[in-house]
Amino acid sequence: MEALTTRRLAKRLGVEGPSLYNHVANRDDLLDEMTAVINEQIDASGLEHPDWRVGVANYARSYRSAFSVRPQLVATIASRPVRSDVSLRGYDQTFAAFQSLGWDPQTAAAVLAAIDFLVLGSAIETFGAGFDRAPEDYAPEYPNLAAALRETSGDEIDDLGFELGLAAVIAWISAREA
């Protein structure tokens, strides 16, 4: 991502720079458009579910699914201000859905921030992919790590970790409502 420039992209596409500039003005515009394409994949309709817990979980899973497709972009996207109309509209609609549940703006913002952290963090770094050796290779020096890695696959532990974090967010909201 650091090497991405509009000039290099134009060359890779086999066009001249000015042709590309008819579509995007600069690298920031290009990144905004890439972010918009990802954000368009988030299905916020889950928030309409009669049980808000199911709705929030469905929304978070859709959000994770959209960003998991392009994990190499997530760190760059997450470090930039939200600018694209698609992204801003998505946040606005999500806040509207949260407010329709009776949540005050602070609670809505805290929940969406937690979902952002959970989704983007899980897309940037997967726990399972963080270990590049077989569990047996770790066993002599790190027997507890080896035992834990033996018990689950990388994708499975990533999904379980995400679901645990999501359950914690939902439990926090439930406790706050009580």
Foldseek 3Di string as FASTA:
>chain_A
DVPDWLCVVCVVVVHHSVVVCVPPVIPVRVLLVVVLVLLVQQDQCLLVDPPNLRSLVNRLVSNLVSLLVCLVSLVVNVVDDNDHPSRVVVLVVQQVSVVVVVDDSVLSVVLVVLSSCLRSVLSNDQPQVVDDDQLVVCCVPNVVVSVVPVVDHRVVVSVVVSVVSSVVSVVVVVVVVD
